[in-house]
Amino acid sequence: MHTKSSLAEIKLIATCTIDAYKAHQSAWQFLGKSPHNQRHFHHDFVPLPFNQGAVITIRASPEHLPANAKPVHINYEPGIPLEFSLVCSPTISRGNGKEEPCLTRKELLAWICTRSKPNGFEVIKDSLDFDTEPVLIAKPGKPKFYLNRAYFNGALKVTDSDLFAKALTVGIGRHKGLGFGMLKITNH
């Protein structure tokens, strides 16, 4: 029997050319509707080279995933250093009341540092590597638009176990429904 804090994930390969919205639809189709008709999972997607599709990672409670889903460790003690990756869509308010993408290295560094404390960790700045690229969002019947996808890789130190477990479960930042914000521990 699984506890409420348990989490699992499964990886799928979507072989069609894929964008963020198609990855979102693929995750919904794979899992089906939740009992409450709400999103009951978190996902991300990593495009494969040459538009060959994408790898979609889906995280959810184990009861929503097939038996071959792998458990995700979410209980870490404060002070533990970990290596991580995060693919997100960082935004800032530039004073006009609207959220706009972080575009400079300074803005990206400030974004990850300000998001770390409320999510139970501290980024080890000299370990951090990051880059960005535009990602097409193409919802049928709606105008196409782009979001800024940022890739963060580096080391972190857990500062609050409960907040960190929540960040691993629900993600960090905006546009999680489109596959952004999944925090992954890469050395555990």
Protein backbone atom coordinates (compact mmCIF):
# COMPACT_ATOMS: atom_id res chain seq x y z
CA MET A 1 0.00 0.00 0.00
CA HIS A 2 1.30 3.48 -0.94
CA THR A 3 1.33 6.45 1.40
CA LYS A 4 -0.02 9.83 0.38
CA SER A 5 3.51 11.17 -0.03
CA SER A 6 4.58 8.45 -2.47
CA LEU A 7 5.37 9.37 -6.03
CA ALA A 8 6.24 7.41 -9.15
CA GLU A 9 7.15 8.20 -12.73
CA ILE A 10 7.14 6.59 -16.11
CA LYS A 11 8.80 7.62 -19.37
CA LEU A 12 7.11 7.38 -22.77
CA ILE A 13 8.46 7.98 -26.23
CA ALA A 14 6.09 9.90 -28.47
CA THR A 15 7.28 9.22 -32.01
CA CYS A 16 5.36 11.94 -33.82
CA THR A 17 6.78 15.44 -34.11
CA ILE A 18 5.74 16.93 -30.83
CA ASP A 19 5.24 20.31 -29.19
CA ALA A 20 4.38 21.21 -25.60
CA TYR A 21 0.62 20.99 -26.13
CA LYS A 22 0.83 17.62 -27.90
CA ALA A 23 2.97 16.31 -25.03
CA HIS A 24 0.28 17.51 -22.61
CA GLN A 25 -2.41 15.72 -24.64
CA SER A 26 -0.31 12.54 -24.82
CA ALA A 27 0.08 12.49 -21.04
CA TRP A 28 -3.69 12.93 -20.55
CA GLN A 29 -4.44 10.18 -23.08
CA PHE A 30 -1.99 7.81 -21.41
CA LEU A 31 -3.38 8.35 -17.90
CA GLY A 32 -7.03 8.99 -18.67
CA LYS A 33 -9.34 11.19 -16.65
CA SER A 34 -8.94 11.56 -12.90
CA PRO A 35 -11.87 10.79 -10.64
CA HIS A 36 -12.27 14.55 -10.02
CA ASN A 37 -11.67 15.58 -13.65
CA GLN A 38 -8.55 17.52 -12.63
CA ARG A 39 -4.94 17.07 -13.68
CA HIS A 40 -3.64 14.33 -11.38
CA PHE A 41 -0.11 14.20 -12.71
CA HIS A 42 2.90 16.32 -13.58
CA HIS A 43 4.84 15.82 -16.79
CA ASP A 44 7.70 17.15 -18.81
CA PHE A 45 8.96 16.49 -22.30
CA VAL A 46 12.35 16.50 -23.94
CA PRO A 47 12.30 16.77 -27.74
CA LEU A 48 14.34 14.18 -29.60
CA PRO A 49 16.84 15.34 -32.27
CA PHE A 50 15.68 15.96 -35.85
CA ASN A 51 11.97 16.26 -34.88
CA GLN A 52 11.78 12.52 -34.18
CA GLY A 53 9.35 13.02 -31.29
CA ALA A 54 9.96 13.44 -27.58
CA VAL A 55 10.53 11.63 -24.31
CA ILE A 56 7.65 12.39 -21.95
CA THR A 57 8.14 11.83 -18.22
CA ILE A 58 4.92 11.54 -16.21
CA ARG A 59 4.87 11.76 -12.40
CA ALA A 60 1.85 10.86 -10.30
CA SER A 61 0.70 8.84 -7.35
CA PRO A 62 1.52 5.18 -8.01
CA GLU A 63 -2.18 4.26 -8.19
CA HIS A 64 -2.52 6.41 -11.33
CA LEU A 65 0.41 4.78 -13.15
CA PRO A 66 1.09 1.27 -14.47
CA ALA A 67 2.80 -1.25 -12.20
CA ASN A 68 6.15 -0.79 -14.03
CA ALA A 69 6.39 2.90 -12.99
CA LYS A 70 9.54 3.67 -11.01
CA PRO A 71 9.29 5.15 -7.50
CA VAL A 72 10.58 8.71 -7.09
CA HIS A 73 12.43 9.38 -3.87
CA ILE A 74 11.00 12.56 -2.30
CA ASN A 75 12.19 12.40 1.32
CA TYR A 76 15.57 14.08 1.71
CA GLU A 77 17.11 15.36 4.93
CA PRO A 78 18.19 19.03 5.16
CA GLY A 79 21.84 19.63 4.31
CA ILE A 80 22.07 16.88 1.70
CA PRO A 81 23.78 18.05 -1.52
CA LEU A 82 22.15 16.74 -4.69
CA GLU A 83 22.61 17.18 -8.42
CA PHE A 84 19.50 18.36 -10.25
CA SER A 85 17.99 19.31 -13.55
CA LEU A 86 15.00 21.57 -14.08
CA VAL A 87 13.29 22.50 -17.34
CA CYS A 88 10.99 25.45 -16.74
CA SER A 89 9.52 28.63 -18.18
CA PRO A 90 10.91 31.39 -15.92
CA THR A 91 9.18 34.75 -15.99
CA ILE A 92 9.54 38.10 -14.22
CA SER A 93 7.40 41.19 -13.85
CA ARG A 94 9.11 44.12 -15.53
CA GLY A 95 6.90 46.72 -13.83
CA ASN A 96 4.14 46.76 -16.45
CA GLY A 97 2.00 44.25 -14.52
CA LYS A 98 2.63 41.50 -17.05
CA GLU A 99 4.78 38.43 -16.65
CA GLU A 100 7.48 38.30 -19.31
CA PRO A 101 10.18 35.69 -20.00
CA CYS A 102 13.53 35.91 -18.26
CA LEU A 103 15.95 36.65 -21.08
CA THR A 104 19.36 37.42 -19.59
CA ARG A 105 21.70 35.23 -17.58
CA LYS A 106 21.29 37.63 -14.65
CA GLU A 107 17.47 37.29 -14.78
CA LEU A 108 17.67 33.49 -15.03
CA LEU A 109 20.07 33.25 -12.08
CA ALA A 110 17.84 35.56 -10.00
CA TRP A 111 14.76 33.48 -10.93
CA ILE A 112 16.22 30.13 -9.82
CA CYS A 113 17.69 31.64 -6.64
CA THR A 114 14.40 33.27 -5.60
CA ARG A 115 12.44 30.07 -6.33
CA SER A 116 14.79 27.82 -4.41
CA LYS A 117 14.05 28.89 -0.80
CA PRO A 118 10.23 28.56 -0.99
CA ASN A 119 10.79 25.14 -2.58
CA GLY A 120 13.04 23.83 0.18
CA PHE A 121 16.51 24.08 -1.37
CA GLU A 122 19.44 26.35 -2.01
CA VAL A 123 21.21 26.41 -5.36
CA ILE A 124 24.99 26.04 -5.29
CA LYS A 125 25.62 28.91 -7.71
CA ASP A 126 29.11 27.97 -8.92
CA SER A 127 27.77 24.56 -10.04
CA LEU A 128 24.94 26.02 -12.11
CA ASP A 129 24.73 25.68 -15.88
CA PHE A 130 21.75 26.99 -17.80
CA ASP A 131 20.49 27.81 -21.27
CA THR A 132 17.21 28.75 -22.97
CA GLU A 133 15.32 28.15 -26.19
CA PRO A 134 11.90 29.13 -27.54
CA VAL A 135 9.20 26.41 -27.51
CA LEU A 136 6.18 26.45 -29.80
CA ILE A 137 2.75 26.10 -28.16
CA ALA A 138 0.17 25.10 -30.77
CA LYS A 139 -3.31 24.53 -29.33
CA PRO A 140 -5.83 23.64 -32.05
CA GLY A 141 -8.06 26.58 -32.92
CA LYS A 142 -5.90 29.06 -30.99
CA PRO A 143 -3.11 31.36 -32.15
CA LYS A 144 0.33 29.75 -31.94
CA PHE A 145 2.78 31.29 -29.50
CA TYR A 146 6.18 30.62 -27.96
CA LEU A 147 7.29 30.17 -24.37
CA ASN A 148 10.86 30.48 -23.20
CA ARG A 149 12.18 27.08 -22.02
CA ALA A 150 15.11 27.26 -19.60
CA TYR A 151 17.35 24.31 -18.80
CA PHE A 152 19.01 24.43 -15.36
CA ASN A 153 21.58 21.82 -14.28
CA GLY A 154 23.73 21.92 -11.18
CA ALA A 155 23.90 21.15 -7.49
CA LEU A 156 21.58 22.09 -4.67
CA LYS A 157 21.36 21.64 -0.93
CA VAL A 158 18.06 20.65 0.70
CA THR A 159 16.98 23.23 3.33
CA ASP A 160 13.43 22.05 4.13
CA SER A 161 12.42 18.43 3.57
CA ASP A 162 8.66 19.05 3.34
CA LEU A 163 8.91 21.95 0.88
CA PHE A 164 11.44 20.02 -1.20
CA ALA A 165 9.15 16.96 -1.35
CA LYS A 166 6.33 19.23 -2.55
CA ALA A 167 8.59 20.75 -5.25
CA LEU A 168 9.47 17.26 -6.50
CA THR A 169 5.77 16.36 -6.55
CA VAL A 170 4.11 19.42 -8.11
CA GLY A 171 6.99 21.22 -9.84
CA ILE A 172 8.34 24.76 -9.85
CA GLY A 173 7.21 27.86 -11.72
CA ARG A 174 4.58 28.57 -14.33
CA HIS A 175 3.11 26.53 -17.19
CA LYS A 176 3.35 23.15 -15.45
CA GLY A 177 0.32 21.98 -17.43
CA LEU A 178 2.43 22.38 -20.56
CA GLY A 179 5.28 20.26 -19.23
CA PHE A 180 7.43 22.84 -17.48
CA GLY A 181 8.76 22.86 -13.93
CA MET A 182 9.65 19.23 -13.18
CA LEU A 183 12.54 19.11 -10.71
CA LYS A 184 14.66 16.00 -11.24
CA ILE A 185 17.38 14.65 -8.99
CA THR A 186 20.08 13.21 -11.22
CA ASN A 187 22.45 11.51 -8.77
CA HIS A 188 20.10 9.45 -6.59
